[in-house]
Every structure is written in structure tokens, then in C-alpha cells.
Amino acid sequence: MSRQAKSESELTWKELEIGGIVTEPGSASRYRTGDWRSQRPSYDFSRCIKCRLCQIYCPDGCINETDKGYFEADLYYCKGCGICATECPTTVITMVDEGEE
């Protein structure tokens, strides 16, 4: 489709949510996509500086702020990619095998 023939229902880049997160009903939030991961994030919050980098870099947008101001993945949606652990500057997050505690 050419640029001139663009449908009025299509969003432009200015109208998209930051990070491309799907927010409308009927989105992927209805599906528990974390059920098939092989690794999950484990946390040692004693080293956390609350920088929010894990939340910023999470491709699934599944890291939420807790009541104490820390950031933790919602394991119903976390796919275990490990990007949060890689980006964490203080190694608060480590990836462990799904069966480990």
C-alpha cells in the first residue's frame, strides 16, 4: 500500500504507545505467555538502586513497580529472555532455571 493510500484507521508513529506496548482490551494480556519459559528472573533487592532499566528494556513490558519501589517481572507474561538481567547495572537480577527456587 502506498503512503497516499494509507487507511485512516492506521496509527502514525506519533500515536503509538511508548515502547510499542499494546494497551487495548483483547491484546496479548489475555494469554499467559510465561508458561513456556525455561528460565526466570531471580532478585536480590539489597543491591537495587531503583534505576528502572529492567523495566525500560523489557520487550514484553511485564516488569512492574512494587509497593516498595522495586521492579519485578510478572511471571504470567515473562518469557525468560534475560534482557533485564543483562541490563541491570548492579546485578540485582540473575536468571535461574525454572525449576529452581
C-alpha atoms as a PDB file:
ATOM      1  CA  MET A   1       0.000   0.000   0.000  1.00  0.00           C
ATOM      2  CA  SER A   2       1.350   3.411  -0.905  1.00  0.00           C
ATOM      3  CA  ARG A   3       1.715   6.186   1.618  1.00  0.00           C
ATOM      4  CA  GLN A   4      -1.122   8.106  -0.024  1.00  0.00           C
ATOM      5  CA  ALA A   5      -3.473   5.099   0.229  1.00  0.00           C
ATOM      6  CA  LYS A   6      -2.932   4.683   3.986  1.00  0.00           C
ATOM      7  CA  SER A   7      -6.137   3.846   5.815  1.00  0.00           C
ATOM      8  CA  GLU A   8      -7.448   6.423   8.292  1.00  0.00           C
ATOM      9  CA  SER A   9      -7.671   3.672  10.947  1.00  0.00           C
ATOM     10  CA  GLU A  10      -3.893   3.123  10.932  1.00  0.00           C
ATOM     11  CA  LEU A  11      -1.865   4.844  13.638  1.00  0.00           C
ATOM     12  CA  THR A  12       1.100   7.005  12.861  1.00  0.00           C
ATOM     13  CA  TRP A  13       4.304   6.743  14.876  1.00  0.00           C
ATOM     14  CA  LYS A  14       3.194   9.784  16.903  1.00  0.00           C
ATOM     15  CA  GLU A  15       0.079   7.961  18.131  1.00  0.00           C
ATOM     16  CA  LEU A  16       1.755   4.725  19.250  1.00  0.00           C
ATOM     17  CA  GLU A  17       2.387   3.988  22.924  1.00  0.00           C
ATOM     18  CA  ILE A  18       5.977   4.484  24.065  1.00  0.00           C
ATOM     19  CA  GLY A  19       7.785   1.179  23.638  1.00  0.00           C
ATOM     20  CA  GLY A  20       5.045  -0.150  21.346  1.00  0.00           C
ATOM     21  CA  ILE A  21       3.192  -1.688  24.290  1.00  0.00           C
ATOM     22  CA  VAL A  22      -0.280  -2.963  23.400  1.00  0.00           C
ATOM     23  CA  THR A  23      -2.740  -1.475  25.880  1.00  0.00           C
ATOM     24  CA  GLU A  24      -6.194  -2.081  24.435  1.00  0.00           C
ATOM     25  CA  PRO A  25      -8.544  -4.892  25.565  1.00  0.00           C
ATOM     26  CA  GLY A  26      -8.166  -8.157  23.708  1.00  0.00           C
ATOM     27  CA  SER A  27      -4.417  -7.832  23.497  1.00  0.00           C
ATOM     28  CA  ALA A  28      -1.816 -10.407  24.460  1.00  0.00           C
ATOM     29  CA  SER A  29      -2.551  -9.702  28.124  1.00  0.00           C
ATOM     30  CA  ARG A  30      -5.308 -12.319  27.853  1.00  0.00           C
ATOM     31  CA  TYR A  31      -2.716 -15.046  27.279  1.00  0.00           C
ATOM     32  CA  ARG A  32      -0.331 -16.382  29.920  1.00  0.00           C
ATOM     33  CA  THR A  33       2.738 -16.325  27.727  1.00  0.00           C
ATOM     34  CA  GLY A  34       5.198 -17.034  30.539  1.00  0.00           C
ATOM     35  CA  ASP A  35       4.137 -20.657  30.923  1.00  0.00           C
ATOM     36  CA  TRP A  36       6.682 -21.962  28.424  1.00  0.00           C
ATOM     37  CA  ARG A  37       9.867 -20.226  29.588  1.00  0.00           C
ATOM     38  CA  SER A  38      12.869 -22.292  30.715  1.00  0.00           C
ATOM     39  CA  GLN A  39      14.482 -19.591  32.876  1.00  0.00           C
ATOM     40  CA  ARG A  40      13.046 -16.886  35.111  1.00  0.00           C
ATOM     41  CA  PRO A  41      14.475 -13.810  36.833  1.00  0.00           C
ATOM     42  CA  SER A  42      15.526 -14.042  40.480  1.00  0.00           C
ATOM     43  CA  TYR A  43      16.102 -10.896  42.552  1.00  0.00           C
ATOM     44  CA  ASP A  44      18.437  -9.665  45.295  1.00  0.00           C
ATOM     45  CA  PHE A  45      16.849  -6.300  46.070  1.00  0.00           C
ATOM     46  CA  SER A  46      19.531  -5.419  48.649  1.00  0.00           C
ATOM     47  CA  ARG A  47      21.621  -4.154  45.701  1.00  0.00           C
ATOM     48  CA  CYS A  48      18.787  -2.447  43.799  1.00  0.00           C
ATOM     49  CA  ILE A  49      19.230   1.273  43.095  1.00  0.00           C
ATOM     50  CA  LYS A  50      15.715   1.543  41.582  1.00  0.00           C
ATOM     51  CA  CYS A  51      17.067   2.762  38.259  1.00  0.00           C
ATOM     52  CA  ARG A  52      14.182   1.195  36.302  1.00  0.00           C
ATOM     53  CA  LEU A  53      16.446  -0.042  33.488  1.00  0.00           C
ATOM     54  CA  CYS A  54      14.973  -3.542  33.730  1.00  0.00           C
ATOM     55  CA  GLN A  55      11.500  -2.109  33.112  1.00  0.00           C
ATOM     56  CA  ILE A  56      12.677   0.122  30.280  1.00  0.00           C
ATOM     57  CA  TYR A  57      14.432  -2.692  28.393  1.00  0.00           C
ATOM     58  CA  CYS A  58      11.827  -5.444  28.934  1.00  0.00           C
ATOM     59  CA  PRO A  59      10.495  -6.280  25.442  1.00  0.00           C
ATOM     60  CA  ASP A  60       7.249  -7.671  26.890  1.00  0.00           C
ATOM     61  CA  GLY A  61       6.505  -4.747  29.196  1.00  0.00           C
ATOM     62  CA  CYS A  62       5.915  -7.211  32.036  1.00  0.00           C
ATOM     63  CA  ILE A  63       8.095  -5.573  34.715  1.00  0.00           C
ATOM     64  CA  ASN A  64       6.080  -3.565  37.210  1.00  0.00           C
ATOM     65  CA  GLU A  65       6.948  -1.401  40.197  1.00  0.00           C
ATOM     66  CA  THR A  66       6.209  -2.953  43.598  1.00  0.00           C
ATOM     67  CA  ASP A  67       4.821  -1.141  46.635  1.00  0.00           C
ATOM     68  CA  LYS A  68       8.389  -0.702  47.924  1.00  0.00           C
ATOM     69  CA  GLY A  69       9.589   0.896  44.680  1.00  0.00           C
ATOM     70  CA  TYR A  70      11.452  -2.132  43.315  1.00  0.00           C
ATOM     71  CA  PHE A  71      10.808  -3.582  39.876  1.00  0.00           C
ATOM     72  CA  GLU A  72       9.755  -7.172  39.403  1.00  0.00           C
ATOM     73  CA  ALA A  73       8.591  -9.223  36.419  1.00  0.00           C
ATOM     74  CA  ASP A  74       5.036 -10.517  36.240  1.00  0.00           C
ATOM     75  CA  LEU A  75       5.798 -14.199  35.725  1.00  0.00           C
ATOM     76  CA  TYR A  76       2.475 -14.792  33.961  1.00  0.00           C
ATOM     77  CA  TYR A  77       3.928 -12.885  30.997  1.00  0.00           C
ATOM     78  CA  CYS A  78       7.733 -13.024  31.398  1.00  0.00           C
ATOM     79  CA  LYS A  79       9.257 -15.188  28.675  1.00  0.00           C
ATOM     80  CA  GLY A  80      12.644 -15.533  30.386  1.00  0.00           C
ATOM     81  CA  CYS A  81      14.698 -13.757  27.742  1.00  0.00           C
ATOM     82  CA  GLY A  82      17.158 -12.393  30.317  1.00  0.00           C
ATOM     83  CA  ILE A  83      17.414  -8.878  28.900  1.00  0.00           C
ATOM     84  CA  CYS A  84      16.520  -7.427  32.310  1.00  0.00           C
ATOM     85  CA  ALA A  85      19.413  -9.312  33.927  1.00  0.00           C
ATOM     86  CA  THR A  86      21.815  -8.206  31.204  1.00  0.00           C
ATOM     87  CA  GLU A  87      20.856  -4.533  31.537  1.00  0.00           C
ATOM     88  CA  CYS A  88      20.834  -4.415  35.367  1.00  0.00           C
ATOM     89  CA  PRO A  89      23.921  -2.356  36.355  1.00  0.00           C
ATOM     90  CA  THR A  90      24.107  -3.770  39.904  1.00  0.00           C
ATOM     91  CA  THR A  91      23.360  -7.446  39.080  1.00  0.00           C
ATOM     92  CA  VAL A  92      20.195  -7.495  41.167  1.00  0.00           C
ATOM     93  CA  ILE A  93      18.636  -9.833  38.608  1.00  0.00           C
ATOM     94  CA  THR A  94      20.006 -13.245  37.772  1.00  0.00           C
ATOM     95  CA  MET A  95      18.379 -15.833  35.559  1.00  0.00           C
ATOM     96  CA  VAL A  96      17.725 -19.223  37.133  1.00  0.00           C
ATOM     97  CA  ASP A  97      16.290 -22.429  35.734  1.00  0.00           C
ATOM     98  CA  GLU A  98      12.524 -22.514  36.027  1.00  0.00           C
ATOM     99  CA  GLY A  99      12.551 -25.424  38.490  1.00  0.00           C
ATOM    100  CA  GLU A 100      14.948 -23.732  40.960  1.00  0.00           C
ATOM    101  CA  GLU A 101      13.823 -21.633  43.921  1.00  0.00           C
END
